[in-house]
Amino acid sequence: MSTWYQQLSHQLEIDRDLGVQFIQRDTNVAAPVEQEDPDLSKQQPLPGLELSGSAAEQLETIATAVAACTRCGLCEKRKNSVPGEGHAEAELMFIGEGPGADEDRQGRPFVGAAGQLLDKMINAMGFERSDVYIANIVKCRPPGNRTPEEDEAAACMPWLEQQINIIQPKIICTLGNTPLRALSGNPKAGITRMRGKEFMWQDIPVIPTFHPSYLLRNAEAKKPCWEDLKLVVSKLGRELP
């Protein structure tokens, strides 16, 4: 067991929480995902939204607009919208599926059990939560935490697109099937087959991996997820702590 493995294991207990095996691998980018053109007819353009000021101020403007959004039926039962949070000029952006009960109650993304695991994943990569930006495909909780419907995702995507354009991350890491399908434009894409395979979204590299909630239910997925996160780190030109 190497020294850096011992330090990282001691700091974050990665061997317990992520099932990490600290081995070297070839970080050459896998073949790109074959993308289908998104059905733009299903997307509802945002009305004129005046964005000015710093990146942080622009994101706050979007958050205010999201709180009043009625573009789909998910607004009807929300306690709070969950626009996203983090560094306004983050080089790394995580995108999940949608808020759960804890997120709906607090108005913040990834604050439940899956969020606690995501925090540990972020720390293991050498970041603090405040260094990255975390958002979801939909900004309001789907009833019963179900998967967002295609029309709900399409209605909410313009908010996310605005956020990405403001933040301009160097890389995006998607978590689970829903953001993979939304950003790749392929409604049939599956995370098990596509995880770790880089594709581009408007000139920004995207690397998909498993959702933390899936990792909580499937310990065997933790090792390949860590391989994906190491690829993200290498793409950023950084070294693991």
C-alpha atoms as a PDB file:
ATOM      1  CA  MET A   1       0.000   0.000   0.000  1.00  0.00           C
ATOM      2  CA  SER A   2       1.517   3.269  -1.106  1.00  0.00           C
ATOM      3  CA  THR A   3       1.944   6.309   1.116  1.00  0.00           C
ATOM      4  CA  TRP A   4      -0.408   8.514  -0.888  1.00  0.00           C
ATOM      5  CA  TYR A   5      -3.040   5.784  -0.745  1.00  0.00           C
ATOM      6  CA  GLN A   6      -2.709   5.620   3.043  1.00  0.00           C
ATOM      7  CA  GLN A   7      -3.016   9.398   3.347  1.00  0.00           C
ATOM      8  CA  LEU A   8      -6.064   9.612   1.136  1.00  0.00           C
ATOM      9  CA  SER A   9      -7.667   6.606   2.785  1.00  0.00           C
ATOM     10  CA  HIS A  10      -7.083   8.098   6.213  1.00  0.00           C
ATOM     11  CA  GLN A  11      -8.400  11.495   5.197  1.00  0.00           C
ATOM     12  CA  LEU A  12     -11.557  10.463   3.421  1.00  0.00           C
ATOM     13  CA  GLU A  13     -12.007   6.764   4.187  1.00  0.00           C
ATOM     14  CA  ILE A  14     -12.360   6.213   0.491  1.00  0.00           C
ATOM     15  CA  ASP A  15     -11.839   2.472   0.805  1.00  0.00           C
ATOM     16  CA  ARG A  16     -15.044   2.294   2.861  1.00  0.00           C
ATOM     17  CA  ASP A  17     -17.217   4.922   1.225  1.00  0.00           C
ATOM     18  CA  LEU A  18     -16.232   4.638  -2.434  1.00  0.00           C
ATOM     19  CA  GLY A  19     -14.683   1.205  -2.611  1.00  0.00           C
ATOM     20  CA  VAL A  20     -11.643   2.753  -4.271  1.00  0.00           C
ATOM     21  CA  GLN A  21      -8.796   0.643  -5.610  1.00  0.00           C
ATOM     22  CA  PHE A  22      -5.887   3.030  -6.144  1.00  0.00           C
ATOM     23  CA  ILE A  23      -4.340   1.561  -9.248  1.00  0.00           C
ATOM     24  CA  GLN A  24      -2.934   3.197 -12.316  1.00  0.00           C
ATOM     25  CA  ARG A  25      -4.869   2.934 -15.521  1.00  0.00           C
ATOM     26  CA  ASP A  26      -4.612   4.141 -19.070  1.00  0.00           C
ATOM     27  CA  THR A  27      -6.476   7.437 -19.071  1.00  0.00           C
ATOM     28  CA  ASN A  28      -6.802   7.629 -22.825  1.00  0.00           C
ATOM     29  CA  VAL A  29     -10.227   8.935 -23.696  1.00  0.00           C
ATOM     30  CA  ALA A  30     -12.710   6.275 -24.721  1.00  0.00           C
ATOM     31  CA  ALA A  31     -14.528   6.458 -28.022  1.00  0.00           C
ATOM     32  CA  PRO A  32     -17.050   9.294 -28.114  1.00  0.00           C
ATOM     33  CA  VAL A  33     -20.694   8.593 -27.512  1.00  0.00           C
ATOM     34  CA  GLU A  34     -22.653   8.365 -30.724  1.00  0.00           C
ATOM     35  CA  GLN A  35     -25.057  11.233 -30.346  1.00  0.00           C
ATOM     36  CA  GLU A  36     -28.476  11.720 -31.805  1.00  0.00           C
ATOM     37  CA  ASP A  37     -29.645  15.200 -32.640  1.00  0.00           C
ATOM     38  CA  PRO A  38     -31.847  16.488 -29.795  1.00  0.00           C
ATOM     39  CA  ASP A  39     -35.472  17.162 -30.638  1.00  0.00           C
ATOM     40  CA  LEU A  40     -35.339  20.931 -30.457  1.00  0.00           C
ATOM     41  CA  SER A  41     -39.061  21.142 -31.125  1.00  0.00           C
ATOM     42  CA  LYS A  42     -39.678  19.891 -27.596  1.00  0.00           C
ATOM     43  CA  GLN A  43     -37.551  22.592 -25.997  1.00  0.00           C
ATOM     44  CA  GLN A  44     -39.296  25.757 -24.882  1.00  0.00           C
ATOM     45  CA  PRO A  45     -37.047  28.782 -25.336  1.00  0.00           C
ATOM     46  CA  LEU A  46     -36.757  31.029 -22.314  1.00  0.00           C
ATOM     47  CA  PRO A  47     -38.426  34.402 -22.536  1.00  0.00           C
ATOM     48  CA  GLY A  48     -36.055  37.360 -22.629  1.00  0.00           C
ATOM     49  CA  LEU A  49     -33.983  37.072 -19.475  1.00  0.00           C
ATOM     50  CA  GLU A  50     -31.699  40.002 -18.884  1.00  0.00           C
ATOM     51  CA  LEU A  51     -28.402  38.811 -17.483  1.00  0.00           C
ATOM     52  CA  SER A  52     -25.801  41.317 -16.391  1.00  0.00           C
ATOM     53  CA  GLY A  53     -23.084  41.745 -13.830  1.00  0.00           C
ATOM     54  CA  SER A  54     -20.638  39.122 -12.610  1.00  0.00           C
ATOM     55  CA  ALA A  55     -21.075  35.399 -13.170  1.00  0.00           C
ATOM     56  CA  ALA A  56     -22.300  35.060  -9.579  1.00  0.00           C
ATOM     57  CA  GLU A  57     -24.866  37.818 -10.112  1.00  0.00           C
ATOM     58  CA  GLN A  58     -26.084  36.233 -13.323  1.00  0.00           C
ATOM     59  CA  LEU A  59     -26.514  32.875 -11.600  1.00  0.00           C
ATOM     60  CA  GLU A  60     -28.480  34.587  -8.842  1.00  0.00           C
ATOM     61  CA  THR A  61     -30.742  36.138 -11.467  1.00  0.00           C
ATOM     62  CA  ILE A  62     -31.404  32.680 -12.873  1.00  0.00           C
ATOM     63  CA  ALA A  63     -32.067  31.285  -9.389  1.00  0.00           C
ATOM     64  CA  THR A  64     -34.657  34.002  -8.791  1.00  0.00           C
ATOM     65  CA  ALA A  65     -36.319  33.250 -12.123  1.00  0.00           C
ATOM     66  CA  VAL A  66     -36.289  29.507 -11.443  1.00  0.00           C
ATOM     67  CA  ALA A  67     -38.084  30.094  -8.120  1.00  0.00           C
ATOM     68  CA  ALA A  68     -40.991  31.597 -10.067  1.00  0.00           C
ATOM     69  CA  CYS A  69     -40.859  29.112 -12.945  1.00  0.00           C
ATOM     70  CA  THR A  70     -44.072  27.371 -14.060  1.00  0.00           C
ATOM     71  CA  ARG A  71     -42.756  25.863 -17.303  1.00  0.00           C
ATOM     72  CA  CYS A  72     -43.845  22.341 -16.320  1.00  0.00           C
ATOM     73  CA  GLY A  73     -46.082  20.623 -13.797  1.00  0.00           C
ATOM     74  CA  LEU A  74     -43.270  19.932 -11.338  1.00  0.00           C
ATOM     75  CA  CYS A  75     -43.713  23.448  -9.976  1.00  0.00           C
ATOM     76  CA  GLU A  76     -47.125  22.572  -8.548  1.00  0.00           C
ATOM     77  CA  LYS A  77     -45.947  20.489  -5.593  1.00  0.00           C
ATOM     78  CA  ARG A  78     -42.497  21.868  -4.908  1.00  0.00           C
ATOM     79  CA  LYS A  79     -41.604  23.318  -1.526  1.00  0.00           C
ATOM     80  CA  ASN A  80     -38.517  24.974  -2.969  1.00  0.00           C
ATOM     81  CA  SER A  81     -36.920  25.125  -6.371  1.00  0.00           C
ATOM     82  CA  VAL A  82     -33.337  23.863  -6.450  1.00  0.00           C
ATOM     83  CA  PRO A  83     -31.421  25.913  -9.027  1.00  0.00           C
ATOM     84  CA  GLY A  84     -27.940  24.705  -8.107  1.00  0.00           C
ATOM     85  CA  GLU A  85     -25.008  26.014  -6.121  1.00  0.00           C
ATOM     86  CA  GLY A  86     -21.268  26.357  -6.117  1.00  0.00           C
ATOM     87  CA  HIS A  87     -18.436  28.393  -7.590  1.00  0.00           C
ATOM     88  CA  ALA A  88     -19.660  30.756 -10.298  1.00  0.00           C
ATOM     89  CA  GLU A  89     -16.504  30.164 -12.349  1.00  0.00           C
ATOM     90  CA  ALA A  90     -15.937  26.512 -11.496  1.00  0.00           C
ATOM     91  CA  GLU A  91     -13.726  24.449 -13.777  1.00  0.00           C
ATOM     92  CA  LEU A  92     -15.717  21.338 -12.861  1.00  0.00           C
ATOM     93  CA  MET A  93     -19.502  21.040 -12.944  1.00  0.00           C
ATOM     94  CA  PHE A  94     -21.575  18.085 -11.734  1.00  0.00           C
ATOM     95  CA  ILE A  95     -25.055  17.551 -13.149  1.00  0.00           C
ATOM     96  CA  GLY A  96     -27.516  15.137 -11.596  1.00  0.00           C
ATOM     97  CA  GLU A  97     -31.118  14.197 -12.273  1.00  0.00           C
ATOM     98  CA  GLY A  98     -33.387  16.194  -9.974  1.00  0.00           C
ATOM     99  CA  PRO A  99     -34.026  17.168  -6.364  1.00  0.00           C
ATOM    100  CA  GLY A 100     -35.154  14.645  -3.765  1.00  0.00           C
ATOM    101  CA  ALA A 101     -37.101  15.229  -0.571  1.00  0.00           C
ATOM    102  CA  ASP A 102     -34.157  16.714   1.353  1.00  0.00           C
ATOM    103  CA  GLU A 103     -33.250  18.991  -1.536  1.00  0.00           C
ATOM    104  CA  ASP A 104     -36.856  20.101  -2.004  1.00  0.00           C
ATOM    105  CA  ARG A 105     -37.034  20.977   1.685  1.00  0.00           C
ATOM    106  CA  GLN A 106     -33.741  22.910   1.768  1.00  0.00           C
ATOM    107  CA  GLY A 107     -33.615  24.338  -1.755  1.00  0.00           C
ATOM    108  CA  ARG A 108     -30.080  22.980  -2.232  1.00  0.00           C
ATOM    109  CA  PRO A 109     -28.791  20.189  -4.507  1.00  0.00           C
ATOM    110  CA  PHE A 110     -27.367  16.926  -3.185  1.00  0.00           C
ATOM    111  CA  VAL A 111     -27.811  17.377   0.558  1.00  0.00           C
ATOM    112  CA  GLY A 112     -29.226  13.940   1.437  1.00  0.00           C
ATOM    113  CA  ALA A 113     -27.387  10.630   1.711  1.00  0.00           C
ATOM    114  CA  ALA A 114     -26.400  10.715  -1.967  1.00  0.00           C
ATOM    115  CA  GLY A 115     -25.168  14.265  -1.493  1.00  0.00           C
ATOM    116  CA  GLN A 116     -22.975  13.258   1.414  1.00  0.00           C
ATOM    117  CA  LEU A 117     -21.385  10.603  -0.781  1.00  0.00           C
ATOM    118  CA  LEU A 118     -20.956  13.115  -3.610  1.00  0.00           C
ATOM    119  CA  ASP A 119     -19.147  15.416  -1.186  1.00  0.00           C
ATOM    120  CA  LYS A 120     -16.695  12.612  -0.396  1.00  0.00           C
ATOM    121  CA  MET A 121     -16.225  11.915  -4.094  1.00  0.00           C
ATOM    122  CA  ILE A 122     -15.481  15.591  -4.695  1.00  0.00           C
ATOM    123  CA  ASN A 123     -13.012  15.672  -1.795  1.00  0.00           C
ATOM    124  CA  ALA A 124     -11.294  12.520  -3.046  1.00  0.00           C
ATOM    125  CA  MET A 125     -10.727  14.272  -6.365  1.00  0.00           C
ATOM    126  CA  GLY A 126      -8.902  17.094  -4.578  1.00  0.00           C
ATOM    127  CA  PHE A 127     -11.738  19.622  -4.538  1.00  0.00           C
ATOM    128  CA  GLU A 128     -13.981  21.172  -1.946  1.00  0.00           C
ATOM    129  CA  ARG A 129     -17.696  21.353  -2.630  1.00  0.00           C
ATOM    130  CA  SER A 130     -17.353  25.132  -2.862  1.00  0.00           C
ATOM    131  CA  ASP A 131     -14.815  24.731  -5.699  1.00  0.00           C
ATOM    132  CA  VAL A 132     -17.276  23.067  -8.088  1.00  0.00           C
ATOM    133  CA  TYR A 133     -20.792  23.790  -9.311  1.00  0.00           C
ATOM    134  CA  ILE A 134     -23.601  21.297  -8.716  1.00  0.00           C
ATOM    135  CA  ALA A 135     -26.900  21.340 -10.570  1.00  0.00           C
ATOM    136  CA  ASN A 136     -29.625  19.024 -11.853  1.00  0.00           C
ATOM    137  CA  ILE A 137     -31.496  18.537 -15.104  1.00  0.00           C
ATOM    138  CA  VAL A 138     -34.792  19.541 -13.454  1.00  0.00           C
ATOM    139  CA  LYS A 139     -34.985  22.203 -10.761  1.00  0.00           C
ATOM    140  CA  CYS A 140     -38.079  20.904  -8.945  1.00  0.00           C
ATOM    141  CA  ARG A 141     -38.643  17.556  -7.266  1.00  0.00           C
ATOM    142  CA  PRO A 142     -40.488  14.938  -9.336  1.00  0.00           C
ATOM    143  CA  PRO A 143     -43.260  13.293  -7.242  1.00  0.00           C
ATOM    144  CA  GLY A 144     -41.955  10.297  -5.339  1.00  0.00           C
ATOM    145  CA  ASN A 145     -38.452  10.998  -6.650  1.00  0.00           C
ATOM    146  CA  ARG A 146     -39.427   9.427  -9.976  1.00  0.00           C
ATOM    147  CA  THR A 147     -37.336   9.944 -13.102  1.00  0.00           C
ATOM    148  CA  PRO A 148     -38.208  13.244 -14.826  1.00  0.00           C
ATOM    149  CA  GLU A 149     -40.376  12.915 -17.902  1.00  0.00           C
ATOM    150  CA  GLU A 150     -38.842  13.937 -21.223  1.00  0.00           C
ATOM    151  CA  ASP A 151     -41.077  17.004 -21.503  1.00  0.00           C
ATOM    152  CA  GLU A 152     -40.137  18.082 -17.952  1.00  0.00           C
ATOM    153  CA  ALA A 153     -36.438  17.748 -18.728  1.00  0.00           C
ATOM    154  CA  ALA A 154     -36.871  19.631 -22.001  1.00  0.00           C
ATOM    155  CA  ALA A 155     -38.774  22.446 -20.266  1.00  0.00           C
ATOM    156  CA  CYS A 156     -36.024  22.849 -17.667  1.00  0.00           C
ATOM    157  CA  MET A 157     -32.977  22.417 -19.905  1.00  0.00           C
ATOM    158  CA  PRO A 158     -32.792  26.098 -20.964  1.00  0.00           C
ATOM    159  CA  TRP A 159     -32.124  27.070 -17.338  1.00  0.00           C
ATOM    160  CA  LEU A 160     -29.248  24.605 -17.161  1.00  0.00           C
ATOM    161  CA  GLU A 161     -27.908  25.709 -20.536  1.00  0.00           C
ATOM    162  CA  GLN A 162     -27.826  29.306 -19.285  1.00  0.00           C
ATOM    163  CA  GLN A 163     -25.948  28.192 -16.173  1.00  0.00           C
ATOM    164  CA  ILE A 164     -23.376  26.248 -18.182  1.00  0.00           C
ATOM    165  CA  ASN A 165     -22.858  29.189 -20.530  1.00  0.00           C
ATOM    166  CA  ILE A 166     -22.251  31.505 -17.576  1.00  0.00           C
ATOM    167  CA  ILE A 167     -19.947  29.184 -15.634  1.00  0.00           C
ATOM    168  CA  GLN A 168     -18.044  27.875 -18.667  1.00  0.00           C
ATOM    169  CA  PRO A 169     -16.634  24.843 -16.862  1.00  0.00           C
ATOM    170  CA  LYS A 170     -13.622  23.083 -18.316  1.00  0.00           C
ATOM    171  CA  ILE A 171     -15.385  19.758 -17.892  1.00  0.00           C
ATOM    172  CA  ILE A 172     -18.811  18.433 -16.921  1.00  0.00           C
ATOM    173  CA  CYS A 173     -19.378  15.212 -14.991  1.00  0.00           C
ATOM    174  CA  THR A 174     -22.918  13.861 -15.372  1.00  0.00           C
ATOM    175  CA  LEU A 175     -24.391  11.591 -12.723  1.00  0.00           C
ATOM    176  CA  GLY A 176     -26.751   8.859 -13.896  1.00  0.00           C
ATOM    177  CA  ASN A 177     -28.926   8.261 -16.954  1.00  0.00           C
ATOM    178  CA  THR A 178     -31.020  11.436 -17.053  1.00  0.00           C
ATOM    179  CA  PRO A 179     -28.237  14.018 -17.492  1.00  0.00           C
ATOM    180  CA  LEU A 180     -26.360  11.678 -19.831  1.00  0.00           C
ATOM    181  CA  ARG A 181     -29.394  11.484 -22.112  1.00  0.00           C
ATOM    182  CA  ALA A 182     -30.174  15.187 -21.865  1.00  0.00           C
ATOM    183  CA  LEU A 183     -26.674  16.406 -22.729  1.00  0.00           C
ATOM    184  CA  SER A 184     -25.861  13.737 -25.315  1.00  0.00           C
ATOM    185  CA  GLY A 185     -29.201  14.206 -27.055  1.00  0.00           C
ATOM    186  CA  ASN A 186     -29.600  10.424 -27.083  1.00  0.00           C
ATOM    187  CA  PRO A 187     -32.724   9.313 -25.171  1.00  0.00           C
ATOM    188  CA  LYS A 188     -31.593   5.693 -25.363  1.00  0.00           C
ATOM    189  CA  ALA A 189     -28.123   6.194 -23.879  1.00  0.00           C
ATOM    190  CA  GLY A 190     -27.451   4.025 -20.831  1.00  0.00           C
ATOM    191  CA  ILE A 191     -25.007   4.899 -18.095  1.00  0.00           C
ATOM    192  CA  THR A 192     -23.755   1.320 -17.633  1.00  0.00           C
ATOM    193  CA  ARG A 193     -22.485   1.225 -21.216  1.00  0.00           C
ATOM    194  CA  MET A 194     -21.554   4.893 -21.574  1.00  0.00           C
ATOM    195  CA  ARG A 195     -19.913   5.649 -18.241  1.00  0.00           C
ATOM    196  CA  GLY A 196     -16.387   6.970 -18.622  1.00  0.00           C
ATOM    197  CA  LYS A 197     -16.848   7.686 -22.341  1.00  0.00           C
ATOM    198  CA  GLU A 198     -16.203  11.304 -23.148  1.00  0.00           C
ATOM    199  CA  PHE A 199     -18.438  13.320 -25.444  1.00  0.00           C
ATOM    200  CA  MET A 200     -18.779  17.020 -26.136  1.00  0.00           C
ATOM    201  CA  TRP A 201     -21.532  19.455 -25.256  1.00  0.00           C
ATOM    202  CA  GLN A 202     -21.001  22.787 -27.018  1.00  0.00           C
ATOM    203  CA  ASP A 203     -17.215  22.348 -26.950  1.00  0.00           C
ATOM    204  CA  ILE A 204     -17.179  21.303 -23.292  1.00  0.00           C
ATOM    205  CA  PRO A 205     -15.996  17.745 -22.537  1.00  0.00           C
ATOM    206  CA  VAL A 206     -18.557  15.641 -20.673  1.00  0.00           C
ATOM    207  CA  ILE A 207     -17.715  12.462 -18.755  1.00  0.00           C
ATOM    208  CA  PRO A 208     -20.676  10.437 -17.470  1.00  0.00           C
ATOM    209  CA  THR A 209     -20.585   8.275 -14.364  1.00  0.00           C
ATOM    210  CA  PHE A 210     -22.982   6.630 -11.939  1.00  0.00           C
ATOM    211  CA  HIS A 211     -25.279   8.637  -9.691  1.00  0.00           C
ATOM    212  CA  PRO A 212     -24.254   8.550  -6.005  1.00  0.00           C
ATOM    213  CA  SER A 213     -27.659   7.109  -5.072  1.00  0.00           C
ATOM    214  CA  TYR A 214     -26.884   4.141  -7.319  1.00  0.00           C
ATOM    215  CA  LEU A 215     -23.540   3.687  -5.584  1.00  0.00           C
ATOM    216  CA  LEU A 216     -25.301   3.521  -2.225  1.00  0.00           C
ATOM    217  CA  ARG A 217     -27.325   0.562  -3.514  1.00  0.00           C
ATOM    218  CA  ASN A 218     -24.629  -1.103  -5.602  1.00  0.00           C
ATOM    219  CA  ALA A 219     -21.222  -1.303  -3.980  1.00  0.00           C
ATOM    220  CA  GLU A 220     -19.733  -3.027  -7.027  1.00  0.00           C
ATOM    221  CA  ALA A 221     -20.196   0.177  -9.037  1.00  0.00           C
ATOM    222  CA  LYS A 222     -17.918   2.201  -6.772  1.00  0.00           C
ATOM    223  CA  LYS A 223     -14.658   1.069  -8.344  1.00  0.00           C
ATOM    224  CA  PRO A 224     -15.630   1.930 -11.957  1.00  0.00           C
ATOM    225  CA  CYS A 225     -17.075   5.229 -10.722  1.00  0.00           C
ATOM    226  CA  TRP A 226     -13.735   6.087  -9.146  1.00  0.00           C
ATOM    227  CA  GLU A 227     -12.021   5.287 -12.435  1.00  0.00           C
ATOM    228  CA  ASP A 228     -14.334   7.813 -14.120  1.00  0.00           C
ATOM    229  CA  LEU A 229     -13.552  10.451 -11.510  1.00  0.00           C
ATOM    230  CA  LYS A 230      -9.823   9.878 -11.952  1.00  0.00           C
ATOM    231  CA  LEU A 231     -10.323  10.465 -15.666  1.00  0.00           C
ATOM    232  CA  VAL A 232     -12.042  13.776 -14.898  1.00  0.00           C
ATOM    233  CA  VAL A 233      -9.104  14.806 -12.703  1.00  0.00           C
ATOM    234  CA  SER A 234      -6.589  13.865 -15.394  1.00  0.00           C
ATOM    235  CA  LYS A 235      -8.543  15.822 -18.024  1.00  0.00           C
ATOM    236  CA  LEU A 236      -8.218  18.881 -15.803  1.00  0.00           C
ATOM    237  CA  GLY A 237      -4.453  18.423 -15.690  1.00  0.00           C
ATOM    238  CA  ARG A 238      -4.504  17.859 -11.945  1.00  0.00           C
ATOM    239  CA  GLU A 239      -3.035  15.177  -9.723  1.00  0.00           C
ATOM    240  CA  LEU A 240      -4.862  13.352  -6.993  1.00  0.00           C
ATOM    241  CA  PRO A 241      -4.096  14.500  -3.436  1.00  0.00           C
END
